[in-house]
Amino acid sequence: MGLLRSAMNLSPRLQWKLKRYIRQLRERMDSARSFFQGMWSQQRMCPACRALVNRREKICPLCNERMTRFKGGAMERLLSAFVPEQSRYSVFLLSANVLLYVMTLIASMKATGGPGGMLGSIDGFTLVRFGAKYGILIRLGEWWRFITPIFLHASL
């Protein structure tokens, strides 16, 4: 509010814009604060009954269902210990993007003999070798090149 007091010399329209900007900034800060509080919450939702349960519980005390979606082997239990179920697919896609970026960066550095720029840009030849969309090769039957560019990035 100290900013508003010093802005009293402004026209009413500019004062209104300044108040609106401060209100929007506060709303965004509140939204970000609630987002991060939800991320670090000590509770999570049971997939069966949707009750909030302590994050460390393995079985929901209300409905006696497992807190993991998969009722199965050791691989599912191991996976659920490291990757939250709510964001499992996002983590897999992000991991694929990072892995392919590192692989293409290393291949590009080997091909060009050094780093490809300030943020590790990757040359076009390496991207085509790893599956970038290239019309001539698509016409020759490499239809998978419609999907692989999703995971390739030319720089950070």
N, C-alpha and C. Protein backbone atom coordinates (compact mmCIF):
# COMPACT_ATOMS: atom_id res chain seq x y z
N MET A 1 0.80 -1.19 0.00
CA MET A 1 0.00 0.00 0.00
C MET A 1 0.85 1.26 0.00
N GLY A 2 2.12 1.15 0.45
CA GLY A 2 3.01 2.30 0.43
C GLY A 2 3.23 2.79 -0.98
N LEU A 3 3.24 1.84 -1.91
CA LEU A 3 3.40 2.19 -3.32
C LEU A 3 2.21 3.00 -3.80
N LEU A 4 1.02 2.64 -3.32
CA LEU A 4 -0.18 3.36 -3.74
C LEU A 4 -0.22 4.77 -3.16
N ARG A 5 0.26 4.94 -1.92
CA ARG A 5 0.28 6.28 -1.32
C ARG A 5 1.19 7.21 -2.11
N SER A 6 2.34 6.68 -2.52
CA SER A 6 3.27 7.52 -3.28
C SER A 6 2.77 7.74 -4.70
N ALA A 7 1.81 6.94 -5.13
CA ALA A 7 1.28 7.07 -6.49
C ALA A 7 0.03 7.93 -6.54
N MET A 8 -0.27 8.63 -5.47
CA MET A 8 -1.47 9.45 -5.44
C MET A 8 -1.40 10.60 -6.44
N ASN A 9 -0.22 10.94 -6.89
CA ASN A 9 -0.08 12.01 -7.88
C ASN A 9 -0.43 11.52 -9.28
N LEU A 10 -0.70 10.24 -9.42
CA LEU A 10 -1.05 9.68 -10.73
C LEU A 10 -2.51 9.99 -11.05
N SER A 11 -2.81 9.89 -12.31
CA SER A 11 -4.19 10.10 -12.75
C SER A 11 -5.06 8.95 -12.22
N PRO A 12 -6.37 9.17 -12.09
CA PRO A 12 -7.24 8.11 -11.59
C PRO A 12 -7.17 6.84 -12.43
N ARG A 13 -7.02 6.97 -13.73
CA ARG A 13 -6.92 5.78 -14.58
C ARG A 13 -5.66 4.99 -14.26
N LEU A 14 -4.52 5.67 -14.10
CA LEU A 14 -3.28 4.97 -13.78
C LEU A 14 -3.33 4.38 -12.38
N GLN A 15 -3.99 5.07 -11.44
CA GLN A 15 -4.16 4.51 -10.10
C GLN A 15 -4.99 3.23 -10.16
N TRP A 16 -6.04 3.25 -10.96
CA TRP A 16 -6.88 2.06 -11.11
C TRP A 16 -6.09 0.91 -11.72
N LYS A 17 -5.28 1.20 -12.74
CA LYS A 17 -4.45 0.16 -13.37
C LYS A 17 -3.43 -0.40 -12.39
N LEU A 18 -2.84 0.47 -11.59
CA LEU A 18 -1.87 0.03 -10.61
C LEU A 18 -2.52 -0.86 -9.55
N LYS A 19 -3.72 -0.48 -9.07
CA LYS A 19 -4.43 -1.30 -8.10
C LYS A 19 -4.80 -2.66 -8.70
N ARG A 20 -5.25 -2.64 -9.96
CA ARG A 20 -5.59 -3.89 -10.64
C ARG A 20 -4.37 -4.78 -10.79
N TYR A 21 -3.23 -4.21 -11.14
CA TYR A 21 -2.00 -4.97 -11.29
C TYR A 21 -1.58 -5.59 -9.95
N ILE A 22 -1.66 -4.83 -8.88
CA ILE A 22 -1.28 -5.34 -7.55
C ILE A 22 -2.23 -6.46 -7.13
N ARG A 23 -3.53 -6.30 -7.40
CA ARG A 23 -4.50 -7.34 -7.06
C ARG A 23 -4.22 -8.63 -7.84
N GLN A 24 -3.91 -8.50 -9.14
CA GLN A 24 -3.59 -9.68 -9.95
C GLN A 24 -2.30 -10.34 -9.47
N LEU A 25 -1.33 -9.54 -9.08
CA LEU A 25 -0.07 -10.08 -8.58
C LEU A 25 -0.30 -10.85 -7.29
N ARG A 26 -1.13 -10.30 -6.39
CA ARG A 26 -1.44 -11.01 -5.15
C ARG A 26 -2.18 -12.32 -5.42
N GLU A 27 -3.11 -12.31 -6.37
CA GLU A 27 -3.85 -13.53 -6.72
C GLU A 27 -2.90 -14.59 -7.27
N ARG A 28 -1.97 -14.19 -8.11
CA ARG A 28 -1.00 -15.15 -8.66
C ARG A 28 -0.09 -15.69 -7.58
N MET A 29 0.32 -14.84 -6.66
CA MET A 29 1.17 -15.30 -5.55
C MET A 29 0.41 -16.27 -4.65
N ASP A 30 -0.87 -15.98 -4.39
CA ASP A 30 -1.68 -16.91 -3.59
C ASP A 30 -1.86 -18.24 -4.31
N SER A 31 -2.07 -18.18 -5.62
CA SER A 31 -2.21 -19.40 -6.40
C SER A 31 -0.93 -20.23 -6.36
N ALA A 32 0.22 -19.58 -6.53
CA ALA A 32 1.50 -20.29 -6.48
C ALA A 32 1.74 -20.86 -5.09
N ARG A 33 1.40 -20.10 -4.06
CA ARG A 33 1.58 -20.57 -2.68
C ARG A 33 0.74 -21.81 -2.42
N SER A 34 -0.53 -21.80 -2.85
CA SER A 34 -1.39 -22.97 -2.62
C SER A 34 -0.92 -24.16 -3.45
N PHE A 35 -0.38 -23.90 -4.65
CA PHE A 35 0.15 -24.99 -5.47
C PHE A 35 1.31 -25.69 -4.77
N PHE A 36 2.25 -24.91 -4.25
CA PHE A 36 3.41 -25.51 -3.59
C PHE A 36 3.04 -26.14 -2.26
N GLN A 37 2.05 -25.61 -1.56
CA GLN A 37 1.60 -26.25 -0.34
C GLN A 37 0.98 -27.60 -0.64
N GLY A 38 0.27 -27.70 -1.75
CA GLY A 38 -0.31 -28.98 -2.16
C GLY A 38 0.75 -29.99 -2.55
N MET A 39 1.84 -29.50 -3.15
CA MET A 39 2.92 -30.41 -3.54
C MET A 39 3.60 -31.01 -2.33
N TRP A 40 3.78 -30.23 -1.28
CA TRP A 40 4.51 -30.69 -0.11
C TRP A 40 3.58 -31.13 1.00
N SER A 41 2.34 -31.39 0.67
CA SER A 41 1.36 -31.79 1.65
C SER A 41 1.73 -33.14 2.27
N GLN A 42 1.30 -33.34 3.49
CA GLN A 42 1.56 -34.59 4.18
C GLN A 42 0.46 -35.61 3.92
N GLN A 43 -0.51 -35.24 3.10
CA GLN A 43 -1.61 -36.14 2.80
C GLN A 43 -1.69 -36.40 1.30
N ARG A 44 -2.31 -37.51 0.97
CA ARG A 44 -2.62 -37.79 -0.42
C ARG A 44 -3.99 -38.43 -0.49
N MET A 45 -4.53 -38.50 -1.69
CA MET A 45 -5.89 -38.98 -1.86
C MET A 45 -5.88 -40.48 -2.15
N CYS A 46 -6.78 -41.19 -1.47
CA CYS A 46 -6.95 -42.62 -1.73
C CYS A 46 -7.57 -42.79 -3.11
N PRO A 47 -7.02 -43.65 -3.97
CA PRO A 47 -7.58 -43.80 -5.32
C PRO A 47 -8.95 -44.47 -5.33
N ALA A 48 -9.30 -45.19 -4.26
CA ALA A 48 -10.58 -45.89 -4.23
C ALA A 48 -11.70 -45.03 -3.66
N CYS A 49 -11.49 -44.46 -2.44
CA CYS A 49 -12.59 -43.73 -1.79
C CYS A 49 -12.39 -42.22 -1.82
N ARG A 50 -11.28 -41.74 -2.33
CA ARG A 50 -10.97 -40.32 -2.47
C ARG A 50 -10.84 -39.58 -1.14
N ALA A 51 -10.56 -40.31 -0.06
CA ALA A 51 -10.35 -39.69 1.24
C ALA A 51 -8.90 -39.23 1.36
N LEU A 52 -8.67 -38.16 2.11
CA LEU A 52 -7.31 -37.70 2.35
C LEU A 52 -6.69 -38.55 3.46
N VAL A 53 -5.54 -39.15 3.14
CA VAL A 53 -4.88 -40.08 4.04
C VAL A 53 -3.43 -39.64 4.17
N ASN A 54 -2.82 -39.96 5.29
CA ASN A 54 -1.41 -39.65 5.50
C ASN A 54 -0.59 -40.23 4.35
N ARG A 55 0.36 -39.48 3.87
CA ARG A 55 1.17 -39.87 2.72
C ARG A 55 1.93 -41.18 2.96
N ARG A 56 2.27 -41.48 4.18
CA ARG A 56 3.07 -42.68 4.49
C ARG A 56 2.25 -43.95 4.58
N GLU A 57 0.93 -43.83 4.61
CA GLU A 57 0.07 -45.00 4.72
C GLU A 57 0.16 -45.82 3.43
N LYS A 58 0.26 -47.13 3.57
CA LYS A 58 0.27 -48.03 2.41
C LYS A 58 -1.13 -48.53 2.09
N ILE A 59 -2.00 -48.59 3.14
CA ILE A 59 -3.38 -49.05 2.97
C ILE A 59 -4.29 -47.98 3.57
N CYS A 60 -5.34 -47.65 2.86
CA CYS A 60 -6.29 -46.63 3.33
C CYS A 60 -7.00 -47.13 4.58
N PRO A 61 -6.98 -46.37 5.68
CA PRO A 61 -7.64 -46.83 6.89
C PRO A 61 -9.18 -46.80 6.79
N LEU A 62 -9.73 -46.10 5.80
CA LEU A 62 -11.18 -46.01 5.68
C LEU A 62 -11.79 -47.12 4.83
N CYS A 63 -11.13 -47.45 3.73
CA CYS A 63 -11.71 -48.46 2.83
C CYS A 63 -10.84 -49.72 2.70
N ASN A 64 -9.69 -49.75 3.36
CA ASN A 64 -8.76 -50.89 3.35
C ASN A 64 -8.25 -51.24 1.95
N GLU A 65 -8.19 -50.28 1.07
CA GLU A 65 -7.61 -50.48 -0.26
C GLU A 65 -6.16 -50.04 -0.25
N ARG A 66 -5.39 -50.64 -1.14
CA ARG A 66 -3.98 -50.23 -1.26
C ARG A 66 -3.93 -48.80 -1.78
N MET A 67 -2.95 -48.05 -1.33
CA MET A 67 -2.80 -46.66 -1.76
C MET A 67 -2.16 -46.56 -3.14
N THR A 68 -1.63 -47.67 -3.65
CA THR A 68 -1.10 -47.68 -5.00
C THR A 68 -2.16 -48.24 -5.93
N ARG A 69 -2.19 -47.74 -7.12
CA ARG A 69 -3.20 -48.15 -8.08
C ARG A 69 -2.99 -49.60 -8.51
N PHE A 70 -1.74 -50.00 -8.64
CA PHE A 70 -1.44 -51.33 -9.14
C PHE A 70 -1.38 -52.31 -7.98
N LYS A 71 -2.13 -53.38 -8.07
CA LYS A 71 -2.10 -54.42 -7.05
C LYS A 71 -1.21 -55.53 -7.60
N GLY A 72 0.06 -55.39 -7.48
CA GLY A 72 0.85 -56.40 -8.14
C GLY A 72 2.24 -56.51 -7.63
N GLY A 73 3.08 -56.92 -8.53
CA GLY A 73 4.41 -57.36 -8.22
C GLY A 73 5.37 -56.32 -7.68
N ALA A 74 6.57 -56.76 -7.56
CA ALA A 74 7.61 -55.95 -6.95
C ALA A 74 7.94 -54.72 -7.79
N MET A 75 7.84 -54.85 -9.10
CA MET A 75 8.17 -53.72 -9.97
C MET A 75 7.22 -52.54 -9.73
N GLU A 76 5.92 -52.82 -9.58
CA GLU A 76 4.95 -51.76 -9.32
C GLU A 76 5.21 -51.11 -7.97
N ARG A 77 5.54 -51.93 -6.97
CA ARG A 77 5.83 -51.37 -5.64
C ARG A 77 7.08 -50.52 -5.68
N LEU A 78 8.10 -50.97 -6.37
CA LEU A 78 9.33 -50.21 -6.48
C LEU A 78 9.09 -48.90 -7.24
N LEU A 79 8.34 -48.98 -8.31
CA LEU A 79 8.05 -47.80 -9.11
C LEU A 79 7.22 -46.79 -8.32
N SER A 80 6.23 -47.25 -7.56
CA SER A 80 5.40 -46.33 -6.81
C SER A 80 6.15 -45.70 -5.65
N ALA A 81 7.26 -46.30 -5.22
CA ALA A 81 8.06 -45.70 -4.15
C ALA A 81 8.83 -44.48 -4.65
N PHE A 82 9.18 -44.44 -5.94
CA PHE A 82 9.99 -43.35 -6.48
C PHE A 82 9.21 -42.35 -7.31
N VAL A 83 8.20 -42.80 -8.02
CA VAL A 83 7.45 -41.93 -8.91
C VAL A 83 6.00 -41.87 -8.43
N PRO A 84 5.51 -40.68 -8.09
CA PRO A 84 4.11 -40.58 -7.65
C PRO A 84 3.16 -41.01 -8.76
N GLU A 85 2.09 -41.68 -8.39
CA GLU A 85 1.16 -42.19 -9.40
C GLU A 85 0.44 -41.09 -10.16
N GLN A 86 0.20 -39.96 -9.51
CA GLN A 86 -0.52 -38.88 -10.17
C GLN A 86 0.25 -38.33 -11.35
N SER A 87 1.58 -38.38 -11.30
CA SER A 87 2.38 -37.79 -12.37
C SER A 87 3.28 -38.81 -13.05
N ARG A 88 2.91 -40.07 -12.99
CA ARG A 88 3.77 -41.12 -13.53
C ARG A 88 4.04 -40.93 -15.02
N TYR A 89 3.03 -40.67 -15.81
CA TYR A 89 3.23 -40.54 -17.25
C TYR A 89 4.02 -39.27 -17.58
N SER A 90 3.79 -38.22 -16.84
CA SER A 90 4.57 -37.00 -17.04
C SER A 90 6.04 -37.23 -16.76
N VAL A 91 6.33 -37.97 -15.70
CA VAL A 91 7.72 -38.28 -15.36
C VAL A 91 8.35 -39.13 -16.45
N PHE A 92 7.62 -40.10 -16.99
CA PHE A 92 8.17 -40.94 -18.06
C PHE A 92 8.45 -40.11 -19.31
N LEU A 93 7.52 -39.23 -19.70
CA LEU A 93 7.73 -38.40 -20.89
C LEU A 93 8.90 -37.43 -20.69
N LEU A 94 8.97 -36.83 -19.51
CA LEU A 94 10.08 -35.92 -19.22
C LEU A 94 11.40 -36.66 -19.23
N SER A 95 11.43 -37.87 -18.66
CA SER A 95 12.65 -38.67 -18.66
C SER A 95 13.08 -39.04 -20.07
N ALA A 96 12.12 -39.39 -20.92
CA ALA A 96 12.45 -39.71 -22.32
C ALA A 96 13.02 -38.48 -23.02
N ASN A 97 12.44 -37.31 -22.78
CA ASN A 97 12.95 -36.07 -23.39
C ASN A 97 14.37 -35.79 -22.93
N VAL A 98 14.63 -35.89 -21.64
CA VAL A 98 15.96 -35.60 -21.10
C VAL A 98 16.97 -36.62 -21.61
N LEU A 99 16.61 -37.90 -21.60
CA LEU A 99 17.52 -38.94 -22.07
C LEU A 99 17.88 -38.74 -23.55
N LEU A 100 16.89 -38.48 -24.38
CA LEU A 100 17.18 -38.27 -25.80
C LEU A 100 17.97 -36.99 -26.03
N TYR A 101 17.71 -35.94 -25.23
CA TYR A 101 18.49 -34.72 -25.37
C TYR A 101 19.96 -34.98 -25.05
N VAL A 102 20.21 -35.71 -23.97
CA VAL A 102 21.60 -36.00 -23.59
C VAL A 102 22.26 -36.87 -24.66
N MET A 103 21.53 -37.86 -25.17
CA MET A 103 22.11 -38.73 -26.20
C MET A 103 22.43 -37.93 -27.48
N THR A 104 21.51 -37.07 -27.91
CA THR A 104 21.76 -36.29 -29.12
C THR A 104 22.86 -35.25 -28.89
N LEU A 105 22.94 -34.71 -27.68
CA LEU A 105 24.01 -33.75 -27.37
C LEU A 105 25.38 -34.42 -27.45
N ILE A 106 25.48 -35.62 -26.88
CA ILE A 106 26.75 -36.36 -26.93
C ILE A 106 27.10 -36.71 -28.37
N ALA A 107 26.11 -37.19 -29.15
CA ALA A 107 26.37 -37.54 -30.55
C ALA A 107 26.76 -36.31 -31.35
N SER A 108 26.13 -35.18 -31.09
CA SER A 108 26.45 -33.95 -31.80
C SER A 108 27.85 -33.47 -31.44
N MET A 109 28.22 -33.59 -30.16
CA MET A 109 29.57 -33.17 -29.75
C MET A 109 30.63 -34.06 -30.40
N LYS A 110 30.34 -35.36 -30.53
CA LYS A 110 31.30 -36.26 -31.19
C LYS A 110 31.41 -35.94 -32.68
N ALA A 111 30.28 -35.59 -33.30
CA ALA A 111 30.28 -35.31 -34.75
C ALA A 111 30.97 -34.00 -35.07
N THR A 112 30.76 -32.97 -34.23
CA THR A 112 31.32 -31.66 -34.53
C THR A 112 32.65 -31.41 -33.83
N GLY A 113 33.00 -32.26 -32.88
CA GLY A 113 34.29 -32.11 -32.22
C GLY A 113 34.28 -31.15 -31.03
N GLY A 114 33.13 -30.84 -30.50
CA GLY A 114 33.07 -29.95 -29.35
C GLY A 114 31.66 -29.55 -29.04
N PRO A 115 31.47 -28.71 -28.03
CA PRO A 115 30.11 -28.27 -27.70
C PRO A 115 29.52 -27.46 -28.84
N GLY A 116 28.23 -27.61 -29.05
CA GLY A 116 27.57 -26.99 -30.19
C GLY A 116 27.07 -25.59 -29.94
N GLY A 117 27.52 -24.92 -28.95
CA GLY A 117 27.05 -23.57 -28.69
C GLY A 117 26.95 -23.33 -27.20
N MET A 118 26.43 -22.16 -26.88
CA MET A 118 26.38 -21.78 -25.47
C MET A 118 25.46 -22.67 -24.65
N LEU A 119 24.30 -23.04 -25.19
CA LEU A 119 23.36 -23.87 -24.45
C LEU A 119 23.31 -25.29 -24.99
N GLY A 120 24.34 -25.73 -25.64
CA GLY A 120 24.38 -27.10 -26.13
C GLY A 120 23.45 -27.35 -27.29
N SER A 121 23.53 -26.53 -28.32
CA SER A 121 22.66 -26.74 -29.47
C SER A 121 23.15 -27.95 -30.26
N ILE A 122 22.22 -28.60 -30.91
CA ILE A 122 22.50 -29.86 -31.60
C ILE A 122 22.35 -29.62 -33.09
N ASP A 123 23.30 -30.16 -33.86
CA ASP A 123 23.27 -29.93 -35.30
C ASP A 123 22.13 -30.73 -35.95
N GLY A 124 21.70 -30.27 -37.12
CA GLY A 124 20.57 -30.87 -37.81
C GLY A 124 20.81 -32.29 -38.26
N PHE A 125 22.04 -32.61 -38.65
CA PHE A 125 22.35 -33.97 -39.10
C PHE A 125 22.12 -34.98 -37.98
N THR A 126 22.55 -34.62 -36.77
CA THR A 126 22.35 -35.52 -35.62
C THR A 126 20.86 -35.68 -35.33
N LEU A 127 20.11 -34.60 -35.41
CA LEU A 127 18.67 -34.70 -35.18
C LEU A 127 17.99 -35.61 -36.20
N VAL A 128 18.41 -35.52 -37.46
CA VAL A 128 17.83 -36.39 -38.49
C VAL A 128 18.22 -37.84 -38.22
N ARG A 129 19.45 -38.07 -37.77
CA ARG A 129 19.87 -39.44 -37.44
C ARG A 129 19.04 -40.02 -36.30
N PHE A 130 18.63 -39.18 -35.35
CA PHE A 130 17.87 -39.66 -34.21
C PHE A 130 16.36 -39.68 -34.47
N GLY A 131 15.91 -39.23 -35.63
CA GLY A 131 14.50 -39.37 -35.98
C GLY A 131 13.73 -38.09 -36.18
N ALA A 132 14.40 -36.99 -36.46
CA ALA A 132 13.69 -35.73 -36.70
C ALA A 132 12.82 -35.85 -37.96
N LYS A 133 11.82 -35.02 -38.03
CA LYS A 133 10.91 -35.04 -39.18
C LYS A 133 11.64 -34.50 -40.40
N TYR A 134 11.79 -35.34 -41.39
CA TYR A 134 12.51 -35.01 -42.62
C TYR A 134 11.70 -35.57 -43.77
N GLY A 135 11.13 -34.68 -44.58
CA GLY A 135 10.16 -35.06 -45.60
C GLY A 135 10.61 -36.14 -46.56
N ILE A 136 11.84 -36.09 -47.01
CA ILE A 136 12.32 -37.07 -47.98
C ILE A 136 12.32 -38.47 -47.38
N LEU A 137 12.79 -38.58 -46.14
CA LEU A 137 12.82 -39.89 -45.50
C LEU A 137 11.41 -40.39 -45.15
N ILE A 138 10.51 -39.48 -44.86
CA ILE A 138 9.13 -39.89 -44.60
C ILE A 138 8.51 -40.45 -45.86
N ARG A 139 8.78 -39.80 -47.00
CA ARG A 139 8.26 -40.30 -48.27
C ARG A 139 8.86 -41.65 -48.64
N LEU A 140 10.06 -41.93 -48.12
CA LEU A 140 10.69 -43.22 -48.39
C LEU A 140 10.19 -44.32 -47.46
N GLY A 141 9.24 -43.99 -46.57
CA GLY A 141 8.62 -45.03 -45.75
C GLY A 141 8.93 -44.97 -44.27
N GLU A 142 9.67 -44.00 -43.81
CA GLU A 142 9.99 -43.93 -42.38
C GLU A 142 8.90 -43.12 -41.66
N TRP A 143 7.72 -43.72 -41.50
CA TRP A 143 6.56 -43.05 -40.93
C TRP A 143 6.72 -42.75 -39.45
N TRP A 144 7.60 -43.45 -38.78
CA TRP A 144 7.83 -43.20 -37.35
C TRP A 144 8.40 -41.82 -37.11
N ARG A 145 8.86 -41.16 -38.14
CA ARG A 145 9.39 -39.80 -37.99
C ARG A 145 8.30 -38.77 -37.69
N PHE A 146 7.04 -39.16 -37.73
CA PHE A 146 5.96 -38.26 -37.29
C PHE A 146 5.87 -38.22 -35.76
N ILE A 147 6.34 -39.26 -35.08
CA ILE A 147 6.24 -39.35 -33.62
C ILE A 147 7.54 -38.93 -32.92
N THR A 148 8.68 -39.37 -33.43
CA THR A 148 9.95 -39.11 -32.73
C THR A 148 10.31 -37.65 -32.56
N PRO A 149 9.90 -36.72 -33.44
CA PRO A 149 10.27 -35.32 -33.19
C PRO A 149 9.68 -34.75 -31.89
N ILE A 150 8.65 -35.38 -31.38
CA ILE A 150 8.06 -34.92 -30.12
C ILE A 150 9.09 -34.97 -29.01
N PHE A 151 9.99 -35.94 -29.07
CA PHE A 151 10.96 -36.14 -28.00
C PHE A 151 12.32 -35.50 -28.28
N LEU A 152 12.53 -34.96 -29.47
CA LEU A 152 13.81 -34.38 -29.82
C LEU A 152 13.80 -32.87 -29.62
N HIS A 153 14.90 -32.33 -29.13
CA HIS A 153 15.03 -30.90 -28.93
C HIS A 153 16.40 -30.45 -29.45
N ALA A 154 16.43 -29.36 -30.16
CA ALA A 154 17.68 -28.89 -30.77
C ALA A 154 18.56 -28.14 -29.79
N SER A 155 18.01 -27.67 -28.68
CA SER A 155 18.81 -27.00 -27.65
C SER A 155 17.98 -26.93 -26.38
N LEU A 156 18.60 -26.42 -25.32
CA LEU A 156 17.85 -26.28 -24.07
C LEU A 156 16.71 -25.31 -24.25
